Amino acid sequence: MLLEIEKIINGLEEDKKEIDKNVETIAKLRERQLETVKNLIKEYERIFTWYWNNGVAFSHPRLKEFMSSIGPIVGYDEKDERLFIYNCLDKKFESVNPRNTEDRQTKNLNILIRYGYFEDIVSGIKHTLVRQKEVLEKQYRLIDELENQLNNF
């Protein structure tokens, strides 16, 4: 019986070492994600400014029902029904109530990454590259539809 307990404790110690190693790896990977987002924001800053100066709304490829005038949409918390936006004017992440956009709170990028929003953040930022093309495609489809309607009369 005592021998089995020693064996179990040794196994627990090995698992603890592995867990500690994994915690360190996860922390390093999250730090890399954080740096990736910061670098992406720097790289896209002029694009954000162009959107703002031209009154073009920001959107997100996965969250098509939402639009933002203050910066890229970078996620959505379904539980609290809060939209995450990178406010390109104030250069900070915010949690916004989509039904009352004046209800905004600063959101820490570390927290967003810790809760798994890295891919949404990157997608929202990179979506600024194709947003205009999507608008054009919708307009062309509408023009075709309107012309077809007129041709039928």
Protein backbone atom coordinates (compact mmCIF):
# COMPACT_ATOMS: atom_id res chain seq x y z
CA MET A 1 0.00 0.00 0.00
CA LEU A 2 2.78 2.46 0.91
CA LEU A 3 4.60 1.61 -2.32
CA GLU A 4 1.48 2.42 -4.35
CA ILE A 5 1.14 5.80 -2.61
CA GLU A 6 4.78 6.62 -3.47
CA LYS A 7 4.10 5.67 -7.06
CA ILE A 8 1.01 7.88 -7.14
CA ILE A 9 2.90 10.83 -5.61
CA ASN A 10 5.72 10.40 -8.14
CA GLY A 11 3.13 10.45 -10.92
CA LEU A 12 1.56 13.57 -9.44
CA GLU A 13 4.99 15.25 -9.32
CA GLU A 14 5.62 14.40 -12.97
CA ASP A 15 2.20 15.75 -13.95
CA LYS A 16 2.89 18.94 -11.94
CA LYS A 17 6.17 19.47 -13.82
CA GLU A 18 4.38 19.02 -17.14
CA ILE A 19 1.57 21.36 -16.07
CA ASP A 20 4.08 24.03 -15.00
CA LYS A 21 5.92 23.66 -18.32
CA ASN A 22 2.64 23.99 -20.24
CA VAL A 23 1.64 27.08 -18.24
CA GLU A 24 4.92 28.68 -19.27
CA THR A 25 4.43 27.69 -22.92
CA ILE A 26 0.87 29.06 -22.94
CA ALA A 27 2.07 32.35 -21.43
CA LYS A 28 4.78 32.68 -24.10
CA LEU A 29 2.29 31.92 -26.89
CA ARG A 30 -0.18 34.49 -25.55
CA GLU A 31 2.64 37.03 -25.39
CA ARG A 32 3.40 36.31 -29.06
CA GLN A 33 -0.29 36.77 -29.89
CA LEU A 34 -0.27 40.09 -28.03
CA GLU A 35 2.78 41.31 -29.98
CA THR A 36 1.24 40.10 -33.24
CA VAL A 37 -1.90 42.17 -32.63
CA LYS A 38 0.11 45.24 -31.61
CA ASN A 39 2.23 44.97 -34.76
CA LEU A 40 -0.84 44.47 -36.93
CA ILE A 41 -2.45 47.59 -35.48
CA LYS A 42 0.68 49.63 -36.26
CA GLU A 43 0.76 48.21 -39.79
CA TYR A 44 -2.94 48.98 -40.45
CA GLU A 45 -3.10 52.36 -38.70
CA ARG A 46 -3.21 54.35 -41.95
CA ILE A 47 -5.99 52.09 -43.27
CA PHE A 48 -8.02 52.76 -40.11
CA THR A 49 -7.45 56.48 -40.57
CA TRP A 50 -8.58 56.25 -44.20
CA TYR A 51 -11.79 54.51 -43.11
CA TRP A 52 -12.42 57.17 -40.49
CA ASN A 53 -11.66 60.11 -42.79
CA ASN A 54 -13.93 58.73 -45.51
CA GLY A 55 -16.82 57.78 -43.23
CA VAL A 56 -16.57 54.10 -44.14
CA ALA A 57 -18.04 51.76 -41.53
CA PHE A 58 -15.94 48.94 -40.12
CA SER A 59 -17.34 45.43 -40.07
CA HIS A 60 -16.25 41.89 -39.26
CA PRO A 61 -16.39 38.87 -41.58
CA ARG A 62 -18.06 36.67 -38.95
CA LEU A 63 -20.22 39.33 -37.26
CA LYS A 64 -21.95 40.75 -40.33
CA GLU A 65 -24.93 42.15 -38.42
CA PHE A 66 -22.74 44.74 -36.67
CA MET A 67 -21.09 47.91 -37.96
CA SER A 68 -18.75 50.36 -36.26
CA SER A 69 -17.76 53.92 -37.06
CA ILE A 70 -14.94 54.11 -34.49
CA GLY A 71 -12.75 51.19 -35.53
CA PRO A 72 -12.50 47.54 -36.49
CA ILE A 73 -14.86 45.10 -34.83
CA VAL A 74 -12.68 42.50 -33.14
CA GLY A 75 -15.13 40.22 -31.35
CA TYR A 76 -18.45 39.69 -29.64
CA ASP A 77 -19.29 38.42 -26.17
CA GLU A 78 -22.59 36.59 -26.62
CA LYS A 79 -23.11 36.12 -22.88
CA ASP A 80 -22.93 39.84 -22.06
CA GLU A 81 -24.04 40.91 -25.53
CA ARG A 82 -21.05 43.25 -25.89
CA LEU A 83 -19.18 44.08 -29.06
CA PHE A 84 -15.40 44.41 -28.93
CA ILE A 85 -13.98 47.22 -31.04
CA TYR A 86 -10.54 48.68 -31.53
CA ASN A 87 -11.14 52.41 -31.16
CA CYS A 88 -8.68 53.75 -33.73
CA LEU A 89 -9.07 57.35 -32.56
CA ASP A 90 -8.30 56.69 -28.90
CA LYS A 91 -6.01 53.74 -29.76
CA LYS A 92 -7.60 51.32 -27.31
CA PHE A 93 -9.85 48.30 -27.23
CA GLU A 94 -13.39 48.82 -26.02
CA SER A 95 -16.40 46.77 -25.03
CA VAL A 96 -19.49 48.41 -26.54
CA ASN A 97 -23.19 47.85 -26.02
CA PRO A 98 -24.46 47.51 -29.62
CA ARG A 99 -27.90 48.87 -28.62
CA ASN A 100 -26.39 51.93 -26.94
CA THR A 101 -22.99 52.76 -28.43
CA GLU A 102 -22.43 55.46 -25.80
CA ASP A 103 -22.11 52.59 -23.29
CA ARG A 104 -18.41 51.87 -23.85
CA GLN A 105 -15.77 50.52 -21.52
CA THR A 106 -12.05 50.11 -22.06
CA LYS A 107 -11.08 46.48 -22.55
CA ASN A 108 -7.58 45.18 -21.93
CA LEU A 109 -6.04 43.44 -24.94
CA ASN A 110 -4.41 40.87 -22.64
CA ILE A 111 -7.84 39.87 -21.38
CA LEU A 112 -9.27 39.58 -24.89
CA ILE A 113 -6.41 37.29 -25.87
CA ARG A 114 -6.70 35.27 -22.66
CA TYR A 115 -10.38 34.67 -23.42
CA GLY A 116 -9.60 33.41 -26.91
CA TYR A 117 -10.38 36.39 -29.15
CA PHE A 118 -7.04 36.41 -31.01
CA GLU A 119 -8.46 35.05 -34.28
CA ASP A 120 -11.47 37.39 -34.15
CA ILE A 121 -9.16 40.35 -33.54
CA VAL A 122 -6.90 39.49 -36.48
CA SER A 123 -9.90 38.78 -38.74
CA GLY A 124 -11.55 42.09 -37.83
CA ILE A 125 -8.41 44.08 -38.52
CA LYS A 126 -7.60 42.30 -41.79
CA HIS A 127 -11.21 42.61 -42.93
CA THR A 128 -10.50 46.28 -43.63
CA LEU A 129 -8.60 45.11 -46.73
CA VAL A 130 -11.68 43.57 -48.37
CA ARG A 131 -14.59 45.56 -46.92
CA GLN A 132 -14.79 47.97 -49.87
CA LYS A 133 -14.77 45.09 -52.38
CA GLU A 134 -17.69 43.48 -50.52
CA VAL A 135 -19.65 46.74 -50.71
CA LEU A 136 -18.95 47.00 -54.43
CA GLU A 137 -20.10 43.42 -55.03
CA LYS A 138 -23.38 44.10 -53.21
CA GLN A 139 -23.89 47.28 -55.20
CA TYR A 140 -23.25 45.51 -58.51
CA ARG A 141 -25.76 42.79 -57.58
CA LEU A 142 -28.33 45.44 -56.66
CA ILE A 143 -27.71 47.33 -59.91
CA ASP A 144 -28.20 44.11 -61.87
CA GLU A 145 -31.40 43.36 -59.96
CA LEU A 146 -32.79 46.85 -60.50
CA GLU A 147 -31.94 46.76 -64.21
CA ASN A 148 -33.61 43.34 -64.54
CA GLN A 149 -36.71 44.68 -62.81
CA LEU A 150 -36.85 47.61 -65.22
CA ASN A 151 -36.32 45.34 -68.22
CA ASN A 152 -39.30 43.23 -67.19
CA PHE A 153 -41.69 46.18 -67.66
